[in-house]
Amino acid sequence: MANIASAQKRARQMKKRETKNDLYRIKIKEVFKKAKKLSPQSKKKEQLVAEAYATIDRAERENVIHKNKAARLKRQVNTLATTT
Protein backbone atom coordinates (compact mmCIF):
# COMPACT_ATOMS: atom_id res chain seq x y z
CA MET A 1 0.00 0.00 0.00
CA ALA A 2 1.19 3.48 -0.82
CA ASN A 3 2.26 5.87 1.92
CA ILE A 4 1.42 9.11 0.12
CA ALA A 5 -2.18 10.30 0.31
CA SER A 6 -2.43 11.06 -3.41
CA ALA A 7 -1.12 7.59 -4.26
CA GLN A 8 -3.67 6.02 -1.91
CA LYS A 9 -6.45 8.00 -3.56
CA ARG A 10 -5.19 7.00 -7.00
CA ALA A 11 -5.24 3.34 -5.96
CA ARG A 12 -8.86 3.68 -4.79
CA GLN A 13 -9.85 5.37 -8.05
CA MET A 14 -8.19 2.71 -10.18
CA LYS A 15 -9.91 -0.07 -8.24
CA LYS A 16 -13.30 1.54 -8.86
CA ARG A 17 -12.56 2.10 -12.55
CA GLU A 18 -11.30 -1.45 -13.07
CA THR A 19 -14.51 -2.81 -11.58
CA LYS A 20 -16.64 -0.65 -13.89
CA ASN A 21 -14.55 -1.57 -16.94
CA ASP A 22 -14.78 -5.28 -16.11
CA LEU A 23 -18.57 -5.03 -15.97
CA TYR A 24 -18.68 -3.55 -19.47
CA ARG A 25 -16.36 -6.24 -20.82
CA ILE A 26 -18.47 -8.99 -19.24
CA LYS A 27 -21.65 -7.53 -20.76
CA ILE A 28 -20.05 -7.46 -24.20
CA LYS A 29 -18.99 -11.11 -23.86
CA GLU A 30 -22.51 -12.10 -22.79
CA VAL A 31 -23.99 -10.41 -25.84
CA PHE A 32 -21.61 -12.33 -28.09
CA LYS A 33 -22.57 -15.62 -26.45
CA LYS A 34 -26.25 -14.85 -27.03
CA ALA A 35 -25.57 -13.96 -30.66
CA LYS A 36 -23.76 -17.25 -31.25
CA LYS A 37 -26.66 -19.27 -29.83
CA LEU A 38 -29.30 -17.37 -31.79
CA SER A 39 -30.59 -18.77 -35.06
CA PRO A 40 -30.99 -16.39 -38.02
CA GLN A 41 -34.71 -17.15 -38.25
CA SER A 42 -35.28 -16.08 -34.65
CA LYS A 43 -37.53 -13.10 -34.03
CA LYS A 44 -35.27 -11.91 -31.20
CA LYS A 45 -32.47 -11.18 -33.66
CA GLU A 46 -33.25 -7.47 -34.05
CA GLN A 47 -33.68 -7.03 -30.31
CA LEU A 48 -30.35 -8.73 -29.62
CA VAL A 49 -28.50 -6.63 -32.19
CA ALA A 50 -29.99 -3.44 -30.72
CA GLU A 51 -28.98 -4.53 -27.21
CA ALA A 52 -25.47 -5.34 -28.41
CA TYR A 53 -25.09 -1.99 -30.15
CA ALA A 54 -26.25 -0.15 -27.03
CA THR A 55 -23.83 -2.05 -24.81
CA ILE A 56 -20.91 -1.51 -27.15
CA ASP A 57 -21.72 2.18 -27.61
CA ARG A 58 -21.92 2.66 -23.85
CA ALA A 59 -18.53 1.00 -23.37
CA GLU A 60 -17.07 3.21 -26.10
CA ARG A 61 -18.56 6.34 -24.55
CA GLU A 62 -17.07 5.43 -21.16
CA ASN A 63 -13.66 4.91 -22.82
CA VAL A 64 -13.54 1.25 -21.92
CA ILE A 65 -12.90 0.30 -25.54
CA HIS A 66 -11.55 2.23 -28.51
CA LYS A 67 -13.94 3.52 -31.18
CA ASN A 68 -12.41 1.29 -33.86
CA LYS A 69 -12.81 -1.76 -31.65
CA ALA A 70 -16.42 -0.78 -31.02
CA ALA A 71 -17.05 -0.61 -34.77
CA ARG A 72 -15.40 -3.99 -35.25
CA LEU A 73 -17.45 -5.58 -32.45
CA LYS A 74 -20.69 -4.20 -33.90
CA ARG A 75 -19.86 -5.67 -37.29
CA GLN A 76 -19.06 -9.03 -35.70
CA VAL A 77 -22.33 -9.11 -33.74
CA ASN A 78 -24.29 -8.23 -36.85
CA THR A 79 -22.52 -10.95 -38.83
CA LEU A 80 -23.15 -13.52 -36.11
CA ALA A 81 -26.81 -12.62 -35.86
CA THR A 82 -27.40 -12.82 -39.61
CA THR A 83 -25.34 -15.86 -40.57
CA THR A 84 -25.37 -18.20 -37.59
PDB file of N, CA and C in Angstrom:
ATOM      1  N   MET A   1       0.843  -1.181   0.000  1.00  0.00           N
ATOM      2  CA  MET A   1       0.000   0.000   0.000  1.00  0.00           C
ATOM      3  C   MET A   1       0.883   1.238   0.000  1.00  0.00           C
ATOM      4  N   ALA A   2       0.429   2.243  -0.698  1.00  0.00           N
ATOM      5  CA  ALA A   2       1.192   3.481  -0.820  1.00  0.00           C
ATOM      6  C   ALA A   2       1.134   4.281   0.480  1.00  0.00           C
ATOM      7  N   ASN A   3       2.186   5.041   0.720  1.00  0.00           N
ATOM      8  CA  ASN A   3       2.255   5.875   1.922  1.00  0.00           C
ATOM      9  C   ASN A   3       1.747   7.285   1.675  1.00  0.00           C
ATOM     10  N   ILE A   4       1.821   7.747   0.455  1.00  0.00           N
ATOM     11  CA  ILE A   4       1.425   9.109   0.120  1.00  0.00           C
ATOM     12  C   ILE A   4      -0.081   9.153  -0.121  1.00  0.00           C
ATOM     13  N   ALA A   5      -0.720  10.191   0.394  1.00  0.00           N
ATOM     14  CA  ALA A   5      -2.177  10.300   0.314  1.00  0.00           C
ATOM     15  C   ALA A   5      -2.676  10.300  -1.122  1.00  0.00           C
ATOM     16  N   SER A   6      -1.988  11.010  -2.015  1.00  0.00           N
ATOM     17  CA  SER A   6      -2.428  11.065  -3.409  1.00  0.00           C
ATOM     18  C   SER A   6      -2.297   9.698  -4.076  1.00  0.00           C
ATOM     19  N   ALA A   7      -1.291   8.934  -3.698  1.00  0.00           N
ATOM     20  CA  ALA A   7      -1.121   7.593  -4.259  1.00  0.00           C
ATOM     21  C   ALA A   7      -2.202   6.653  -3.735  1.00  0.00           C
ATOM     22  N   GLN A   8      -2.588   6.836  -2.474  1.00  0.00           N
ATOM     23  CA  GLN A   8      -3.672   6.024  -1.911  1.00  0.00           C
ATOM     24  C   GLN A   8      -4.989   6.324  -2.626  1.00  0.00           C
ATOM     25  N   LYS A   9      -5.234   7.608  -2.866  1.00  0.00           N
ATOM     26  CA  LYS A   9      -6.451   8.003  -3.562  1.00  0.00           C
ATOM     27  C   LYS A   9      -6.452   7.443  -4.982  1.00  0.00           C
ATOM     28  N   ARG A  10      -5.313   7.522  -5.640  1.00  0.00           N
ATOM     29  CA  ARG A  10      -5.186   7.002  -6.998  1.00  0.00           C
ATOM     30  C   ARG A  10      -5.474   5.495  -7.031  1.00  0.00           C
ATOM     31  N   ALA A  11      -5.004   4.779  -6.035  1.00  0.00           N
ATOM     32  CA  ALA A  11      -5.244   3.341  -5.957  1.00  0.00           C
ATOM     33  C   ALA A  11      -6.739   3.058  -5.792  1.00  0.00           C
ATOM     34  N   ARG A  12      -7.416   3.855  -4.970  1.00  0.00           N
ATOM     35  CA  ARG A  12      -8.862   3.681  -4.792  1.00  0.00           C
ATOM     36  C   ARG A  12      -9.606   3.961  -6.092  1.00  0.00           C
ATOM     37  N   GLN A  13      -9.203   5.022  -6.792  1.00  0.00           N
ATOM     38  CA  GLN A  13      -9.855   5.370  -8.053  1.00  0.00           C
ATOM     39  C   GLN A  13      -9.672   4.264  -9.087  1.00  0.00           C
ATOM     40  N   MET A  14      -8.469   3.748  -9.186  1.00  0.00           N
ATOM     41  CA  MET A  14      -8.188   2.708 -10.175  1.00  0.00           C
ATOM     42  C   MET A  14      -8.991   1.446  -9.889  1.00  0.00           C
ATOM     43  N   LYS A  15      -9.139   1.117  -8.619  1.00  0.00           N
ATOM     44  CA  LYS A  15      -9.906  -0.068  -8.244  1.00  0.00           C
ATOM     45  C   LYS A  15     -11.359   0.079  -8.687  1.00  0.00           C
ATOM     46  N   LYS A  16     -11.921   1.269  -8.466  1.00  0.00           N
ATOM     47  CA  LYS A  16     -13.302   1.536  -8.857  1.00  0.00           C
ATOM     48  C   LYS A  16     -13.450   1.486 -10.380  1.00  0.00           C
ATOM     49  N   ARG A  17     -12.499   2.074 -11.087  1.00  0.00           N
ATOM     50  CA  ARG A  17     -12.559   2.098 -12.550  1.00  0.00           C
ATOM     51  C   ARG A  17     -12.390   0.707 -13.149  1.00  0.00           C
ATOM     52  N   GLU A  18     -11.500  -0.088 -12.571  1.00  0.00           N
ATOM     53  CA  GLU A  18     -11.298  -1.448 -13.068  1.00  0.00           C
ATOM     54  C   GLU A  18     -12.572  -2.264 -12.924  1.00  0.00           C
ATOM     55  N   THR A  19     -13.263  -2.089 -11.804  1.00  0.00           N
ATOM     56  CA  THR A  19     -14.514  -2.807 -11.580  1.00  0.00           C
ATOM     57  C   THR A  19     -15.544  -2.427 -12.636  1.00  0.00           C
ATOM     58  N   LYS A  20     -15.675  -1.129 -12.893  1.00  0.00           N
ATOM     59  CA  LYS A  20     -16.636  -0.647 -13.895  1.00  0.00           C
ATOM     60  C   LYS A  20     -16.281  -1.177 -15.283  1.00  0.00           C
ATOM     61  N   ASN A  21     -14.997  -1.112 -15.630  1.00  0.00           N
ATOM     62  CA  ASN A  21     -14.552  -1.574 -16.941  1.00  0.00           C
ATOM     63  C   ASN A  21     -14.791  -3.070 -17.111  1.00  0.00           C
ATOM     64  N   ASP A  22     -14.548  -3.840 -16.045  1.00  0.00           N
ATOM     65  CA  ASP A  22     -14.778  -5.280 -16.109  1.00  0.00           C
ATOM     66  C   ASP A  22     -16.252  -5.588 -16.361  1.00  0.00           C
ATOM     67  N   LEU A  23     -17.143  -4.815 -15.760  1.00  0.00           N
ATOM     68  CA  LEU A  23     -18.571  -5.035 -15.974  1.00  0.00           C
ATOM     69  C   LEU A  23     -18.953  -4.828 -17.435  1.00  0.00           C
ATOM     70  N   TYR A  24     -18.404  -3.786 -18.050  1.00  0.00           N
ATOM     71  CA  TYR A  24     -18.684  -3.553 -19.468  1.00  0.00           C
ATOM     72  C   TYR A  24     -18.152  -4.692 -20.324  1.00  0.00           C
ATOM     73  N   ARG A  25     -16.941  -5.148 -20.032  1.00  0.00           N
ATOM     74  CA  ARG A  25     -16.363  -6.237 -20.820  1.00  0.00           C
ATOM     75  C   ARG A  25     -17.175  -7.524 -20.675  1.00  0.00           C
ATOM     76  N   ILE A  26     -17.652  -7.795 -19.470  1.00  0.00           N
ATOM     77  CA  ILE A  26     -18.474  -8.985 -19.237  1.00  0.00           C
ATOM     78  C   ILE A  26     -19.777  -8.885 -20.023  1.00  0.00           C
ATOM     79  N   LYS A  27     -20.403  -7.708 -20.016  1.00  0.00           N
ATOM     80  CA  LYS A  27     -21.652  -7.525 -20.758  1.00  0.00           C
ATOM     81  C   LYS A  27     -21.451  -7.760 -22.253  1.00  0.00           C
ATOM     82  N   ILE A  28     -20.337  -7.270 -22.778  1.00  0.00           N
ATOM     83  CA  ILE A  28     -20.054  -7.461 -24.201  1.00  0.00           C
ATOM     84  C   ILE A  28     -19.879  -8.946 -24.509  1.00  0.00           C
ATOM     85  N   LYS A  29     -19.172  -9.671 -23.650  1.00  0.00           N
ATOM     86  CA  LYS A  29     -18.985 -11.110 -23.860  1.00  0.00           C
ATOM     87  C   LYS A  29     -20.313 -11.846 -23.810  1.00  0.00           C
ATOM     88  N   GLU A  30     -21.200 -11.448 -22.892  1.00  0.00           N
ATOM     89  CA  GLU A  30     -22.508 -12.100 -22.786  1.00  0.00           C
ATOM     90  C   GLU A  30     -23.325 -11.891 -24.058  1.00  0.00           C
ATOM     91  N   VAL A  31     -23.256 -10.701 -24.613  1.00  0.00           N
ATOM     92  CA  VAL A  31     -23.995 -10.413 -25.843  1.00  0.00           C
ATOM     93  C   VAL A  31     -23.478 -11.293 -26.981  1.00  0.00           C
ATOM     94  N   PHE A  32     -22.169 -11.484 -27.043  1.00  0.00           N
ATOM     95  CA  PHE A  32     -21.606 -12.329 -28.088  1.00  0.00           C
ATOM     96  C   PHE A  32     -22.050 -13.776 -27.916  1.00  0.00           C
ATOM     97  N   LYS A  33     -22.113 -14.245 -26.688  1.00  0.00           N
ATOM     98  CA  LYS A  33     -22.568 -15.616 -26.448  1.00  0.00           C
ATOM     99  C   LYS A  33     -24.010 -15.791 -26.898  1.00  0.00           C
ATOM    100  N   LYS A  34     -24.855 -14.788 -26.594  1.00  0.00           N
ATOM    101  CA  LYS A  34     -26.249 -14.849 -27.027  1.00  0.00           C
ATOM    102  C   LYS A  34     -26.346 -14.854 -28.551  1.00  0.00           C
ATOM    103  N   ALA A  35     -25.529 -14.048 -29.195  1.00  0.00           N
ATOM    104  CA  ALA A  35     -25.571 -13.959 -30.655  1.00  0.00           C
ATOM    105  C   ALA A  35     -25.152 -15.273 -31.295  1.00  0.00           C
ATOM    106  N   LYS A  36     -24.196 -15.968 -30.694  1.00  0.00           N
ATOM    107  CA  LYS A  36     -23.755 -17.246 -31.247  1.00  0.00           C
ATOM    108  C   LYS A  36     -24.837 -18.312 -31.128  1.00  0.00           C
ATOM    109  N   LYS A  37     -25.615 -18.270 -30.052  1.00  0.00           N
ATOM    110  CA  LYS A  37     -26.656 -19.273 -29.833  1.00  0.00           C
ATOM    111  C   LYS A  37     -27.899 -19.012 -30.678  1.00  0.00           C
ATOM    112  N   LEU A  38     -28.082 -17.773 -31.098  1.00  0.00           N
ATOM    113  CA  LEU A  38     -29.300 -17.375 -31.788  1.00  0.00           C
ATOM    114  C   LEU A  38     -29.319 -17.866 -33.237  1.00  0.00           C
ATOM    115  N   SER A  39     -30.457 -18.362 -33.666  1.00  0.00           N
ATOM    116  CA  SER A  39     -30.587 -18.771 -35.060  1.00  0.00           C
ATOM    117  C   SER A  39     -31.009 -17.569 -35.897  1.00  0.00           C
ATOM    118  N   PRO A  40     -30.648 -17.551 -37.185  1.00  0.00           N
ATOM    119  CA  PRO A  40     -30.985 -16.388 -38.025  1.00  0.00           C
ATOM    120  C   PRO A  40     -32.481 -16.200 -38.224  1.00  0.00           C
ATOM    121  N   GLN A  41     -33.274 -17.263 -38.071  1.00  0.00           N
ATOM    122  CA  GLN A  41     -34.715 -17.145 -38.251  1.00  0.00           C
ATOM    123  C   GLN A  41     -35.412 -16.634 -36.999  1.00  0.00           C
ATOM    124  N   SER A  42     -34.685 -16.499 -35.917  1.00  0.00           N
ATOM    125  CA  SER A  42     -35.276 -16.081 -34.648  1.00  0.00           C
ATOM    126  C   SER A  42     -35.820 -14.663 -34.730  1.00  0.00           C
ATOM    127  N   LYS A  43     -36.920 -14.429 -34.031  1.00  0.00           N
ATOM    128  CA  LYS A  43     -37.528 -13.103 -34.025  1.00  0.00           C
ATOM    129  C   LYS A  43     -36.821 -12.176 -33.052  1.00  0.00           C
ATOM    130  N   LYS A  44     -35.990 -12.725 -32.194  1.00  0.00           N
ATOM    131  CA  LYS A  44     -35.272 -11.914 -31.202  1.00  0.00           C
ATOM    132  C   LYS A  44     -33.988 -11.324 -31.774  1.00  0.00           C
ATOM    133  N   LYS A  45     -33.721 -11.611 -33.030  1.00  0.00           N
ATOM    134  CA  LYS A  45     -32.470 -11.176 -33.657  1.00  0.00           C
ATOM    135  C   LYS A  45     -32.308  -9.659 -33.618  1.00  0.00           C
ATOM    136  N   GLU A  46     -33.337  -8.931 -34.018  1.00  0.00           N
ATOM    137  CA  GLU A  46     -33.254  -7.473 -34.055  1.00  0.00           C
ATOM    138  C   GLU A  46     -33.078  -6.899 -32.657  1.00  0.00           C
ATOM    139  N   GLN A  47     -33.782  -7.492 -31.696  1.00  0.00           N
ATOM    140  CA  GLN A  47     -33.682  -7.030 -30.308  1.00  0.00           C
ATOM    141  C   GLN A  47     -32.271  -7.270 -29.768  1.00  0.00           C
ATOM    142  N   LEU A  48     -31.696  -8.413 -30.088  1.00  0.00           N
ATOM    143  CA  LEU A  48     -30.350  -8.734 -29.619  1.00  0.00           C
ATOM    144  C   LEU A  48     -29.314  -7.802 -30.237  1.00  0.00           C
ATOM    145  N   VAL A  49     -29.447  -7.529 -31.515  1.00  0.00           N
ATOM    146  CA  VAL A  49     -28.497  -6.634 -32.185  1.00  0.00           C
ATOM    147  C   VAL A  49     -28.599  -5.228 -31.593  1.00  0.00           C
ATOM    148  N   ALA A  50     -29.813  -4.767 -31.317  1.00  0.00           N
ATOM    149  CA  ALA A  50     -29.990  -3.444 -30.715  1.00  0.00           C
ATOM    150  C   ALA A  50     -29.377  -3.399 -29.318  1.00  0.00           C
ATOM    151  N   GLU A  51     -29.568  -4.455 -28.560  1.00  0.00           N
ATOM    152  CA  GLU A  51     -28.982  -4.533 -27.215  1.00  0.00           C
ATOM    153  C   GLU A  51     -27.455  -4.534 -27.286  1.00  0.00           C
ATOM    154  N   ALA A  52     -26.920  -5.278 -28.243  1.00  0.00           N
ATOM    155  CA  ALA A  52     -25.473  -5.339 -28.410  1.00  0.00           C
ATOM    156  C   ALA A  52     -24.902  -3.982 -28.793  1.00  0.00           C
ATOM    157  N   TYR A  53     -25.561  -3.314 -29.725  1.00  0.00           N
ATOM    158  CA  TYR A  53     -25.090  -1.992 -30.149  1.00  0.00           C
ATOM    159  C   TYR A  53     -25.104  -1.014 -28.978  1.00  0.00           C
ATOM    160  N   ALA A  54     -26.150  -1.052 -28.176  1.00  0.00           N
ATOM    161  CA  ALA A  54     -26.253  -0.148 -27.033  1.00  0.00           C
ATOM    162  C   ALA A  54     -25.143  -0.417 -26.023  1.00  0.00           C
ATOM    163  N   THR A  55     -24.884  -1.679 -25.766  1.00  0.00           N
ATOM    164  CA  THR A  55     -23.834  -2.051 -24.806  1.00  0.00           C
ATOM    165  C   THR A  55     -22.463  -1.617 -25.309  1.00  0.00           C
ATOM    166  N   ILE A  56     -22.208  -1.868 -26.572  1.00  0.00           N
ATOM    167  CA  ILE A  56     -20.907  -1.515 -27.151  1.00  0.00           C
ATOM    168  C   ILE A  56     -20.735  -0.003 -27.196  1.00  0.00           C
ATOM    169  N   ASP A  57     -21.794   0.714 -27.576  1.00  0.00           N
ATOM    170  CA  ASP A  57     -21.717   2.178 -27.613  1.00  0.00           C
ATOM    171  C   ASP A  57     -21.469   2.759 -26.222  1.00  0.00           C
ATOM    172  N   ARG A  58     -22.110   2.180 -25.222  1.00  0.00           N
ATOM    173  CA  ARG A  58     -21.924   2.657 -23.850  1.00  0.00           C
ATOM    174  C   ARG A  58     -20.484   2.443 -23.400  1.00  0.00           C
ATOM    175  N   ALA A  59     -19.920   1.284 -23.730  1.00  0.00           N
ATOM    176  CA  ALA A  59     -18.528   0.998 -23.367  1.00  0.00           C
ATOM    177  C   ALA A  59     -17.582   1.956 -24.090  1.00  0.00           C
ATOM    178  N   GLU A  60     -17.898   2.267 -25.335  1.00  0.00           N
ATOM    179  CA  GLU A  60     -17.070   3.214 -26.096  1.00  0.00           C
ATOM    180  C   GLU A  60     -17.157   4.610 -25.489  1.00  0.00           C
ATOM    181  N   ARG A  61     -18.356   5.011 -25.129  1.00  0.00           N
ATOM    182  CA  ARG A  61     -18.564   6.340 -24.550  1.00  0.00           C
ATOM    183  C   ARG A  61     -17.834   6.492 -23.214  1.00  0.00           C
ATOM    184  N   GLU A  62     -17.752   5.417 -22.450  1.00  0.00           N
ATOM    185  CA  GLU A  62     -17.066   5.434 -21.157  1.00  0.00           C
ATOM    186  C   GLU A  62     -15.561   5.199 -21.300  1.00  0.00           C
ATOM    187  N   ASN A  63     -15.083   5.127 -22.524  1.00  0.00           N
ATOM    188  CA  ASN A  63     -13.657   4.913 -22.817  1.00  0.00           C
ATOM    189  C   ASN A  63     -13.121   3.585 -22.293  1.00  0.00           C
ATOM    190  N   VAL A  64     -13.982   2.580 -22.292  1.00  0.00           N
ATOM    191  CA  VAL A  64     -13.542   1.246 -21.921  1.00  0.00           C
ATOM    192  C   VAL A  64     -12.897   0.577 -23.129  1.00  0.00           C
ATOM    193  N   ILE A  65     -13.472   0.833 -24.307  1.00  0.00           N
ATOM    194  CA  ILE A  65     -12.903   0.296 -25.537  1.00  0.00           C
ATOM    195  C   ILE A  65     -12.716   1.440 -26.533  1.00  0.00           C
ATOM    196  N   HIS A  66     -11.845   1.227 -27.485  1.00  0.00           N
ATOM    197  CA  HIS A  66     -11.546   2.228 -28.511  1.00  0.00           C
ATOM    198  C   HIS A  66     -12.672   2.245 -29.538  1.00  0.00           C
ATOM    199  N   LYS A  67     -12.845   3.375 -30.216  1.00  0.00           N
ATOM    200  CA  LYS A  67     -13.944   3.516 -31.179  1.00  0.00           C
ATOM    201  C   LYS A  67     -13.811   2.542 -32.340  1.00  0.00           C
ATOM    202  N   ASN A  68     -12.594   2.246 -32.757  1.00  0.00           N
ATOM    203  CA  ASN A  68     -12.413   1.290 -33.857  1.00  0.00           C
ATOM    204  C   ASN A  68     -12.772  -0.123 -33.406  1.00  0.00           C
ATOM    205  N   LYS A  69     -12.434  -0.449 -32.174  1.00  0.00           N
ATOM    206  CA  LYS A  69     -12.806  -1.763 -31.651  1.00  0.00           C
ATOM    207  C   LYS A  69     -14.321  -1.869 -31.530  1.00  0.00           C
ATOM    208  N   ALA A  70     -14.960  -0.780 -31.123  1.00  0.00           N
ATOM    209  CA  ALA A  70     -16.415  -0.777 -31.021  1.00  0.00           C
ATOM    210  C   ALA A  70     -17.048  -1.040 -32.384  1.00  0.00           C
ATOM    211  N   ALA A  71     -16.522  -0.403 -33.414  1.00  0.00           N
ATOM    212  CA  ALA A  71     -17.048  -0.613 -34.767  1.00  0.00           C
ATOM    213  C   ALA A  71     -16.850  -2.063 -35.199  1.00  0.00           C
ATOM    214  N   ARG A  72     -15.692  -2.613 -34.890  1.00  0.00           N
ATOM    215  CA  ARG A  72     -15.398  -3.994 -35.254  1.00  0.00           C
ATOM    216  C   ARG A  72     -16.331  -4.961 -34.515  1.00  0.00           C
ATOM    217  N   LEU A  73     -16.571  -4.710 -33.227  1.00  0.00           N
ATOM    218  CA  LEU A  73     -17.455  -5.576 -32.445  1.00  0.00           C
ATOM    219  C   LEU A  73     -18.887  -5.524 -32.969  1.00  0.00           C
ATOM    220  N   LYS A  74     -19.338  -4.332 -33.341  1.00  0.00           N
ATOM    221  CA  LYS A  74     -20.693  -4.204 -33.897  1.00  0.00           C
ATOM    222  C   LYS A  74     -20.825  -5.000 -35.185  1.00  0.00           C
ATOM    223  N   ARG A  75     -19.816  -4.909 -36.022  1.00  0.00           N
ATOM    224  CA  ARG A  75     -19.856  -5.670 -37.286  1.00  0.00           C
ATOM    225  C   ARG A  75     -19.889  -7.158 -36.993  1.00  0.00           C
ATOM    226  N   GLN A  76     -19.099  -7.607 -36.029  1.00  0.00           N
ATOM    227  CA  GLN A  76     -19.055  -9.030 -35.697  1.00  0.00           C
ATOM    228  C   GLN A  76     -20.391  -9.519 -35.154  1.00  0.00           C
ATOM    229  N   VAL A  77     -21.023  -8.720 -34.290  1.00  0.00           N
ATOM    230  CA  VAL A  77     -22.331  -9.110 -33.741  1.00  0.00           C
ATOM    231  C   VAL A  77     -23.361  -9.205 -34.861  1.00  0.00           C
ATOM    232  N   ASN A  78     -23.335  -8.227 -35.744  1.00  0.00           N
ATOM    233  CA  ASN A  78     -24.291  -8.227 -36.855  1.00  0.00           C
ATOM    234  C   ASN A  78     -24.073  -9.454 -37.752  1.00  0.00           C
ATOM    235  N   THR A  79     -22.821  -9.779 -38.007  1.00  0.00           N
ATOM    236  CA  THR A  79     -22.515 -10.946 -38.835  1.00  0.00           C
ATOM    237  C   THR A  79     -22.974 -12.228 -38.153  1.00  0.00           C
ATOM    238  N   LEU A  80     -22.718 -12.336 -36.859  1.00  0.00           N
ATOM    239  CA  LEU A  80     -23.149 -13.521 -36.110  1.00  0.00           C
ATOM    240  C   LEU A  80     -24.669 -13.664 -36.127  1.00  0.00           C
ATOM    241  N   ALA A  81     -25.355 -12.567 -35.937  1.00  0.00           N
ATOM    242  CA  ALA A  81     -26.807 -12.617 -35.865  1.00  0.00           C
ATOM    243  C   ALA A  81     -27.445 -12.955 -37.205  1.00  0.00           C
ATOM    244  N   THR A  82     -26.789 -12.579 -38.300  1.00  0.00           N
ATOM    245  CA  THR A  82     -27.399 -12.818 -39.610  1.00  0.00           C
ATOM    246  C   THR A  82     -26.993 -14.153 -40.223  1.00  0.00           C
ATOM    247  N   THR A  83     -25.819 -14.658 -39.907  1.00  0.00           N
ATOM    248  CA  THR A  83     -25.343 -15.863 -40.572  1.00  0.00           C
ATOM    249  C   THR A  83     -25.430 -17.125 -39.732  1.00  0.00           C
ATOM    250  N   THR A  84     -25.396 -16.992 -38.430  1.00  0.00           N
ATOM    251  CA  THR A  84     -25.368 -18.195 -37.586  1.00  0.00           C
ATOM    252  C   THR A  84     -26.721 -18.806 -37.453  1.00  0.00           C
TER     253      THR A  84
END
